[in-house]
């Protein structure tokens, strides 16, 4: 049995290592291409290590395109939506998990039902509404809806709070004279930190990589997010055949996501565990 277990472990690790090479191969090639000169991109045989190696492509895209504006716009959206939206989602989840009020289940199921509505159905009505408000070509259509929470996040927090926050602890806080909001802030939020961190990491990646929303509402280059700027670089700033510059721009946009994933990867694992066994 021990020998069979060892063989299975070796096979599993071999498959995981092979899979990691397959997954990391495109990223490694992107890095390699971004450090090459244009005339060496299609060398045969391909060279994984550029010769000569140059950083000029990164300087080129940074000076030609308003990437700093893109980073700032994406950062404003991410920070505002996550800070307010997660707090609102946590409050809603706390109410659904620990309070009893009329039509609670019906309201919650109605909210869950909105997940079945494709974005393409509401896209045009939303655009018309935001256009009437004069919000087109501003960051408001990308910020304001997110301030009211997200039903997926609410569902996630509700499942966590139902299994991790004892009702006796909430009752003890009430006996001590804490009101609803104070109980939520001092009791529920500290316990829900792992779930909040997991959703913050996932939410950051989703908002940062969002392309369709900014593409619809933002038209001025200085107001566009980083993803839309990267997509528009071929037509506005960089030759369509300048692959090293395009790869450099893509890596610049990818860098914050890699940093967040590196520091928050344990929360991704916790999020899967929480959503699978809590509630």
Protein backbone atom coordinates (compact mmCIF):
# COMPACT_ATOMS: atom_id res chain seq x y z
CA UNK A 1 0.00 0.00 0.00
CA UNK A 2 2.81 2.40 0.87
CA UNK A 3 4.49 1.75 -2.47
CA UNK A 4 1.28 2.30 -4.39
CA UNK A 5 0.65 5.53 -2.48
CA UNK A 6 4.17 6.72 -3.31
CA UNK A 7 3.67 5.95 -7.00
CA UNK A 8 0.35 7.82 -7.02
CA UNK A 9 1.93 10.83 -5.34
CA UNK A 10 4.76 10.86 -7.89
CA UNK A 11 2.24 10.67 -10.76
CA UNK A 12 0.14 13.45 -9.23
CA UNK A 13 3.14 15.73 -8.81
CA UNK A 14 4.31 14.95 -12.34
CA UNK A 15 0.89 15.88 -13.74
CA UNK A 16 0.80 19.08 -11.68
CA UNK A 17 4.28 20.08 -12.83
CA UNK A 18 3.40 19.36 -16.45
CA UNK A 19 0.19 21.35 -16.08
CA UNK A 20 2.07 24.28 -14.53
CA UNK A 21 4.40 24.40 -17.53
CA UNK A 22 1.40 24.43 -19.87
CA UNK A 23 -0.28 27.22 -17.88
CA UNK A 24 2.86 29.32 -17.38
CA UNK A 25 4.18 28.86 -20.92
CA UNK A 26 2.12 31.69 -22.50
CA UNK A 27 3.05 34.05 -19.66
CA UNK A 28 6.73 33.20 -20.03
CA UNK A 29 6.53 33.79 -23.78
CA UNK A 30 4.80 37.13 -23.18
CA UNK A 31 7.63 38.20 -20.88
CA UNK A 32 10.21 37.01 -23.38
CA UNK A 33 8.57 38.82 -26.30
CA UNK A 34 8.26 42.06 -24.34
CA UNK A 35 12.05 42.11 -23.91
CA UNK A 36 12.86 41.47 -27.58
CA UNK A 37 13.47 43.70 -30.55
CA UNK A 38 10.76 43.65 -33.19
CA UNK A 39 12.96 41.88 -35.77
CA UNK A 40 13.64 38.97 -33.38
CA UNK A 41 10.03 38.11 -32.50
CA UNK A 42 9.66 35.45 -35.20
CA UNK A 43 13.16 34.03 -35.11
CA UNK A 44 13.47 30.35 -36.04
CA UNK A 45 14.16 28.50 -33.83
CA UNK A 46 12.36 30.61 -31.19
CA UNK A 47 14.49 32.08 -28.42
CA UNK A 48 13.03 32.07 -24.92
CA UNK A 49 15.88 34.21 -23.62
CA UNK A 50 16.05 37.45 -25.67
CA UNK A 51 19.36 38.31 -27.30
CA UNK A 52 19.77 41.24 -27.13
CA UNK A 53 17.55 41.99 -24.15
CA UNK A 54 15.93 45.43 -24.09
CA UNK A 55 13.62 47.37 -21.78
CA UNK A 56 12.86 49.95 -24.45
CA UNK A 57 9.42 48.48 -25.16
CA UNK A 58 8.21 49.30 -21.65
CA UNK A 59 9.50 52.85 -21.93
CA UNK A 60 7.91 53.14 -25.38
CA UNK A 61 4.39 52.17 -24.32
CA UNK A 62 4.56 54.21 -21.10
CA UNK A 63 5.48 57.38 -22.98
CA UNK A 64 3.11 56.91 -25.93
CA UNK A 65 -0.11 55.88 -24.15
CA UNK A 66 -1.69 57.53 -21.08
CA UNK A 67 -1.19 54.39 -19.00
CA UNK A 68 -0.84 56.39 -15.79
CA UNK A 69 -4.38 57.74 -16.30
CA UNK A 70 -5.56 54.18 -16.94
CA UNK A 71 -4.00 52.96 -13.69
CA UNK A 72 -5.49 55.86 -11.75
CA UNK A 73 -8.98 55.36 -13.21
CA UNK A 74 -8.92 51.62 -12.58
CA UNK A 75 -7.58 52.23 -9.08
CA UNK A 76 -10.34 54.72 -8.25
CA UNK A 77 -13.00 52.25 -9.38
CA UNK A 78 -11.46 49.33 -7.50
CA UNK A 79 -10.90 51.16 -4.21
CA UNK A 80 -14.32 52.85 -4.16
CA UNK A 81 -16.38 49.83 -5.19
CA UNK A 82 -14.55 47.38 -2.95
CA UNK A 83 -14.47 49.57 0.17
CA UNK A 84 -18.13 50.57 0.03
CA UNK A 85 -19.60 47.61 -1.86
CA UNK A 86 -18.10 44.96 0.41
CA UNK A 87 -19.32 46.80 3.51
CA UNK A 88 -22.86 47.07 2.13
CA UNK A 89 -22.81 43.42 1.03
CA UNK A 90 -21.66 42.36 4.50
CA UNK A 91 -24.48 44.34 6.14
CA UNK A 92 -27.06 42.77 3.83
CA UNK A 93 -25.66 39.29 4.42
CA UNK A 94 -25.71 39.89 8.19
CA UNK A 95 -29.38 40.83 8.02
CA UNK A 96 -30.29 37.81 5.90
CA UNK A 97 -28.35 35.39 8.08
CA UNK A 98 -29.16 36.61 11.61
CA UNK A 99 -32.43 38.58 11.50
CA UNK A 100 -36.00 37.51 10.99
CA UNK A 101 -38.26 39.87 9.06
CA UNK A 102 -41.29 39.52 6.77
CA UNK A 103 -40.65 38.00 3.33
CA UNK A 104 -36.96 37.47 4.11
CA UNK A 105 -36.66 34.27 2.08
CA UNK A 106 -38.75 35.67 -0.78
CA UNK A 107 -36.57 38.79 -0.99
CA UNK A 108 -33.39 36.76 -0.88
CA UNK A 109 -34.58 34.33 -3.56
CA UNK A 110 -35.63 37.29 -5.72
CA UNK A 111 -32.14 38.73 -5.41
CA UNK A 112 -30.63 35.37 -6.32
CA UNK A 113 -32.93 35.26 -9.32
CA UNK A 114 -31.30 38.39 -10.71
CA UNK A 115 -28.16 36.32 -11.22
CA UNK A 116 -29.98 34.53 -14.04
CA UNK A 117 -30.47 37.76 -16.03
CA UNK A 118 -27.72 38.15 -18.67
CA UNK A 119 -25.92 41.49 -18.70
CA UNK A 120 -26.79 41.89 -22.37
CA UNK A 121 -30.47 42.21 -21.39
CA UNK A 122 -29.92 45.24 -19.13
CA UNK A 123 -26.97 46.75 -20.97
CA UNK A 124 -28.96 49.04 -23.29
CA UNK A 125 -31.49 50.22 -20.65
CA UNK A 126 -28.62 50.97 -18.27
CA UNK A 127 -26.79 52.94 -20.93
CA UNK A 128 -29.91 54.96 -21.72
CA UNK A 129 -30.45 55.69 -18.03
CA UNK A 130 -26.87 56.75 -17.39
CA UNK A 131 -26.92 58.81 -20.57
CA UNK A 132 -29.99 60.70 -19.35
CA UNK A 133 -28.14 61.41 -16.10
CA UNK A 134 -25.14 62.72 -18.03
CA UNK A 135 -22.84 60.06 -16.62
CA UNK A 136 -21.50 58.73 -19.93
CA UNK A 137 -17.75 59.26 -20.30
CA UNK A 138 -17.38 59.43 -16.53
CA UNK A 139 -16.45 56.78 -13.97
CA UNK A 140 -19.84 57.00 -12.24
CA UNK A 141 -21.59 54.19 -14.22
CA UNK A 142 -18.77 51.88 -13.18
CA UNK A 143 -18.76 52.99 -9.53
CA UNK A 144 -22.32 53.75 -8.41
CA UNK A 145 -23.93 50.34 -9.13
CA UNK A 146 -21.15 48.60 -7.23
CA UNK A 147 -21.73 50.72 -4.13
CA UNK A 148 -24.97 48.84 -3.43
CA UNK A 149 -23.29 45.46 -3.10
CA UNK A 150 -23.30 42.34 -5.20
CA UNK A 151 -25.67 39.42 -4.81
CA UNK A 152 -22.90 36.87 -5.33
CA UNK A 153 -20.91 38.50 -2.52
CA UNK A 154 -24.01 38.73 -0.32
CA UNK A 155 -24.71 35.03 -0.83
CA UNK A 156 -21.10 34.18 -0.01
CA UNK A 157 -21.11 36.28 3.18
CA UNK A 158 -24.50 34.91 4.23
CA UNK A 159 -23.27 31.32 3.97
CA UNK A 160 -20.21 32.19 6.02
CA UNK A 161 -22.07 34.12 8.72
CA UNK A 162 -24.68 31.43 9.18
CA UNK A 163 -22.04 28.89 10.09
CA UNK A 164 -19.36 31.02 11.74
CA UNK A 165 -21.14 33.65 13.84
CA UNK A 166 -22.93 32.13 16.86
CA UNK A 167 -26.31 33.67 17.62
CA UNK A 168 -25.42 33.51 21.33
CA UNK A 169 -22.56 35.92 20.69
CA UNK A 170 -24.95 38.40 19.09
CA UNK A 171 -27.40 38.00 21.98
CA UNK A 172 -24.57 38.67 24.45
CA UNK A 173 -23.71 41.88 22.60
CA UNK A 174 -27.36 42.97 22.82
CA UNK A 175 -27.41 42.29 26.55
CA UNK A 176 -24.32 44.47 26.91
CA UNK A 177 -26.28 47.30 25.30
CA UNK A 178 -24.84 47.18 21.76
CA UNK A 179 -27.19 48.27 19.00
CA UNK A 180 -27.64 46.56 15.66
CA UNK A 181 -24.93 48.50 13.87
CA UNK A 182 -22.44 48.31 16.71
CA UNK A 183 -23.00 44.55 16.98
CA UNK A 184 -22.38 44.22 13.27
CA UNK A 185 -19.18 46.28 13.37
CA UNK A 186 -17.68 44.88 16.59
CA UNK A 187 -18.86 41.26 16.41
CA UNK A 188 -19.75 40.20 12.87
CA UNK A 189 -17.10 42.03 10.84
CA UNK A 190 -14.04 40.78 12.81
CA UNK A 191 -15.25 37.19 12.53
CA UNK A 192 -15.98 37.59 8.82
CA UNK A 193 -12.49 38.89 7.98
CA UNK A 194 -11.44 35.72 6.08
CA UNK A 195 -14.55 35.87 3.89
CA UNK A 196 -14.15 39.62 3.32
CA UNK A 197 -10.49 39.19 2.37
CA UNK A 198 -11.35 36.41 -0.07
CA UNK A 199 -14.07 38.46 -1.75
CA UNK A 200 -11.83 41.53 -1.82
CA UNK A 201 -9.17 39.59 -3.71
CA UNK A 202 -11.68 38.09 -6.14
CA UNK A 203 -13.45 41.42 -6.53
CA UNK A 204 -10.21 43.22 -7.29
CA UNK A 205 -9.43 40.83 -10.11
CA UNK A 206 -12.94 41.08 -11.52
CA UNK A 207 -13.09 44.88 -11.46
CA UNK A 208 -9.51 45.40 -12.64
CA UNK A 209 -9.99 43.06 -15.61
CA UNK A 210 -13.43 44.39 -16.53
CA UNK A 211 -13.44 45.37 -20.18
CA UNK A 212 -17.04 45.57 -21.42
CA UNK A 213 -18.30 48.20 -18.96
CA UNK A 214 -15.47 50.70 -19.47
CA UNK A 215 -15.61 50.09 -23.23
CA UNK A 216 -19.30 51.08 -23.28
CA UNK A 217 -19.20 54.14 -21.04
CA UNK A 218 -15.72 55.64 -21.40
CA UNK A 219 -14.70 57.37 -24.62
CA UNK A 220 -11.96 59.88 -23.74
CA UNK A 221 -8.52 58.20 -23.53
CA UNK A 222 -7.65 60.03 -20.29
CA UNK A 223 -10.81 58.63 -18.66
CA UNK A 224 -10.46 55.03 -19.82
CA UNK A 225 -9.39 52.18 -17.58
CA UNK A 226 -6.16 50.31 -18.12
CA UNK A 227 -7.80 47.36 -19.91
CA UNK A 228 -9.53 49.54 -22.51
CA UNK A 229 -6.32 51.51 -23.05
CA UNK A 230 -4.39 48.31 -23.69
CA UNK A 231 -6.99 47.17 -26.21
CA UNK A 232 -6.98 50.51 -28.01
CA UNK A 233 -3.22 50.80 -28.24
CA UNK A 234 -3.01 48.92 -31.54
CA UNK A 235 -5.20 51.45 -33.30
CA UNK A 236 -4.18 54.63 -31.46
CA UNK A 237 -0.61 54.43 -30.20
CA UNK A 238 1.31 51.39 -31.45
CA UNK A 239 1.73 49.71 -34.81
CA UNK A 240 -0.38 46.57 -35.18
CA UNK A 241 2.78 44.55 -35.88
CA UNK A 242 4.72 45.82 -32.86
CA UNK A 243 4.25 42.72 -30.73
CA UNK A 244 7.00 43.48 -28.18
CA UNK A 245 5.34 46.77 -27.22
CA UNK A 246 1.93 45.11 -27.01
CA UNK A 247 3.30 42.38 -24.75
CA UNK A 248 4.99 45.02 -22.59
CA UNK A 249 1.72 46.91 -22.23
CA UNK A 250 -0.13 43.71 -21.34
CA UNK A 251 2.39 42.87 -18.63
CA UNK A 252 2.18 46.37 -17.18
CA UNK A 253 -1.60 45.94 -16.86
CA UNK A 254 -1.17 42.43 -15.46
CA UNK A 255 1.35 43.38 -12.78
CA UNK A 256 -1.18 44.56 -10.12
CA UNK A 257 -3.22 41.38 -10.58
CA UNK A 258 -0.12 39.22 -10.10
CA UNK A 259 0.83 41.14 -6.97
CA UNK A 260 -2.66 40.79 -5.48
CA UNK A 261 -2.80 37.09 -6.36
CA UNK A 262 0.64 36.48 -4.84
CA UNK A 263 -0.27 38.05 -1.50
CA UNK A 264 -3.89 36.86 -1.40
CA UNK A 265 -3.64 33.33 -2.79
CA UNK A 266 -4.40 31.77 0.59
CA UNK A 267 -7.67 33.70 0.65
CA UNK A 268 -8.63 32.16 -2.69
CA UNK A 269 -8.21 28.73 -1.12
CA UNK A 270 -10.17 29.82 1.94
CA UNK A 271 -12.96 31.15 -0.26
CA UNK A 272 -13.40 27.75 -1.91
CA UNK A 273 -13.39 26.02 1.46
CA UNK A 274 -15.86 28.51 2.95
CA UNK A 275 -18.30 28.34 0.03
CA UNK A 276 -18.13 24.55 0.05
CA UNK A 277 -18.66 23.63 3.71
CA UNK A 278 -20.27 26.58 5.48
CA UNK A 279 -23.97 27.20 5.85
